[in-house]
Amino acid sequence: MKISYDPKHDIMYIKFSEAKIVDTVEVDEGVLIDYGENGEIVGIEIINASIRFHGKPLDEITIKIEESTVL
């Protein structure tokens, strides 16, 4: 996963894979989801990211990795 932010255009992009994008759906105003050929989410684009986050958008990111318990 790669998270990038373009301050000039105020766009954040969360990229999950390098798959070819075949469809894009706007799920909320300024939030677009890119889908690959198999229906998988390739990326999420957030337009006007600084309005949706307080401060600098990349400062708001927290990554938490939890180990799953296998029964």
C-alpha atoms as a PDB file:
ATOM      1  CA  MET A   1       0.000   0.000   0.000  1.00  0.00           C
ATOM      2  CA  LYS A   2       1.208   3.477  -0.837  1.00  0.00           C
ATOM      3  CA  ILE A   3      -0.295   6.713   0.462  1.00  0.00           C
ATOM      4  CA  SER A   4       0.545   9.955  -1.313  1.00  0.00           C
ATOM      5  CA  TYR A   5      -0.577  13.551  -0.970  1.00  0.00           C
ATOM      6  CA  ASP A   6      -0.325  16.342  -3.533  1.00  0.00           C
ATOM      7  CA  PRO A   7      -0.542  19.640  -1.605  1.00  0.00           C
ATOM      8  CA  LYS A   8      -0.729  21.707  -4.793  1.00  0.00           C
ATOM      9  CA  HIS A   9      -3.978  20.020  -5.836  1.00  0.00           C
ATOM     10  CA  ASP A  10      -4.991  18.926  -2.289  1.00  0.00           C
ATOM     11  CA  ILE A  11      -5.478  15.294  -3.317  1.00  0.00           C
ATOM     12  CA  MET A  12      -4.665  12.208  -1.266  1.00  0.00           C
ATOM     13  CA  TYR A  13      -4.391   8.815  -2.964  1.00  0.00           C
ATOM     14  CA  ILE A  14      -4.265   5.451  -1.250  1.00  0.00           C
ATOM     15  CA  LYS A  15      -2.928   2.851  -3.675  1.00  0.00           C
ATOM     16  CA  PHE A  16      -3.483  -0.814  -2.864  1.00  0.00           C
ATOM     17  CA  SER A  17      -2.043  -2.432  -5.981  1.00  0.00           C
ATOM     18  CA  GLU A  18      -0.525  -1.845  -9.392  1.00  0.00           C
ATOM     19  CA  ALA A  19      -3.514  -3.441 -11.141  1.00  0.00           C
ATOM     20  CA  LYS A  20      -5.015  -1.715 -14.161  1.00  0.00           C
ATOM     21  CA  ILE A  21      -7.931   0.566 -13.267  1.00  0.00           C
ATOM     22  CA  VAL A  22     -11.034  -0.296 -15.282  1.00  0.00           C
ATOM     23  CA  ASP A  23     -13.712   1.617 -13.373  1.00  0.00           C
ATOM     24  CA  THR A  24     -13.966   4.564 -10.979  1.00  0.00           C
ATOM     25  CA  VAL A  25     -16.962   5.228  -8.749  1.00  0.00           C
ATOM     26  CA  GLU A  26     -17.562   8.427  -6.775  1.00  0.00           C
ATOM     27  CA  VAL A  27     -18.926   7.127  -3.445  1.00  0.00           C
ATOM     28  CA  ASP A  28     -19.188  10.557  -1.834  1.00  0.00           C
ATOM     29  CA  GLU A  29     -18.488  14.053  -3.101  1.00  0.00           C
ATOM     30  CA  GLY A  30     -14.744  14.098  -3.782  1.00  0.00           C
ATOM     31  CA  VAL A  31     -14.135  10.457  -2.780  1.00  0.00           C
ATOM     32  CA  LEU A  32     -13.466   8.130  -5.685  1.00  0.00           C
ATOM     33  CA  ILE A  33     -12.747   4.411  -5.616  1.00  0.00           C
ATOM     34  CA  ASP A  34     -10.773   2.851  -8.470  1.00  0.00           C
ATOM     35  CA  TYR A  35     -11.567  -0.775  -9.303  1.00  0.00           C
ATOM     36  CA  GLY A  36      -9.523  -3.360 -11.181  1.00  0.00           C
ATOM     37  CA  GLU A  37     -10.581  -5.973 -13.725  1.00  0.00           C
ATOM     38  CA  ASN A  38     -11.642  -8.487 -11.052  1.00  0.00           C
ATOM     39  CA  GLY A  39     -13.632  -5.969  -9.000  1.00  0.00           C
ATOM     40  CA  GLU A  40     -10.836  -5.450  -6.507  1.00  0.00           C
ATOM     41  CA  ILE A  41     -10.191  -1.991  -5.063  1.00  0.00           C
ATOM     42  CA  VAL A  42      -7.016  -0.608  -6.647  1.00  0.00           C
ATOM     43  CA  GLY A  43      -7.052   2.790  -4.961  1.00  0.00           C
ATOM     44  CA  ILE A  44      -8.996   5.536  -3.229  1.00  0.00           C
ATOM     45  CA  GLU A  45      -8.702   9.192  -4.228  1.00  0.00           C
ATOM     46  CA  ILE A  46      -9.738  11.955  -1.829  1.00  0.00           C
ATOM     47  CA  ILE A  47     -10.155  15.379  -3.405  1.00  0.00           C
ATOM     48  CA  ASN A  48      -9.891  18.446  -1.126  1.00  0.00           C
ATOM     49  CA  ALA A  49      -8.241  16.227   1.461  1.00  0.00           C
ATOM     50  CA  SER A  50      -7.281  19.107   3.779  1.00  0.00           C
ATOM     51  CA  ILE A  51     -10.972  19.937   4.240  1.00  0.00           C
ATOM     52  CA  ARG A  52     -11.720  16.360   5.304  1.00  0.00           C
ATOM     53  CA  PHE A  53      -8.751  16.155   7.700  1.00  0.00           C
ATOM     54  CA  HIS A  54      -7.604  18.641  10.309  1.00  0.00           C
ATOM     55  CA  GLY A  55      -4.073  19.933   9.782  1.00  0.00           C
ATOM     56  CA  LYS A  56      -1.877  18.227   7.226  1.00  0.00           C
ATOM     57  CA  PRO A  57      -3.557  15.130   5.753  1.00  0.00           C
ATOM     58  CA  LEU A  58      -0.521  12.862   6.094  1.00  0.00           C
ATOM     59  CA  ASP A  59      -0.161  13.809   9.776  1.00  0.00           C
ATOM     60  CA  GLU A  60      -3.573  12.229  10.421  1.00  0.00           C
ATOM     61  CA  ILE A  61      -2.550   8.725   9.291  1.00  0.00           C
ATOM     62  CA  THR A  62      -2.197   6.010  11.898  1.00  0.00           C
ATOM     63  CA  ILE A  63      -1.329   2.467  10.895  1.00  0.00           C
ATOM     64  CA  LYS A  64      -2.297  -0.362  13.212  1.00  0.00           C
ATOM     65  CA  ILE A  65      -1.448  -3.945  12.396  1.00  0.00           C
ATOM     66  CA  GLU A  66      -3.158  -6.633  14.414  1.00  0.00           C
ATOM     67  CA  GLU A  67      -2.351 -10.292  14.332  1.00  0.00           C
ATOM     68  CA  SER A  68      -5.388 -12.456  13.766  1.00  0.00           C
ATOM     69  CA  THR A  69      -6.085 -15.399  16.004  1.00  0.00           C
ATOM     70  CA  VAL A  70      -6.587 -18.664  14.163  1.00  0.00           C
ATOM     71  CA  LEU A  71      -8.898 -21.121  15.908  1.00  0.00           C
END
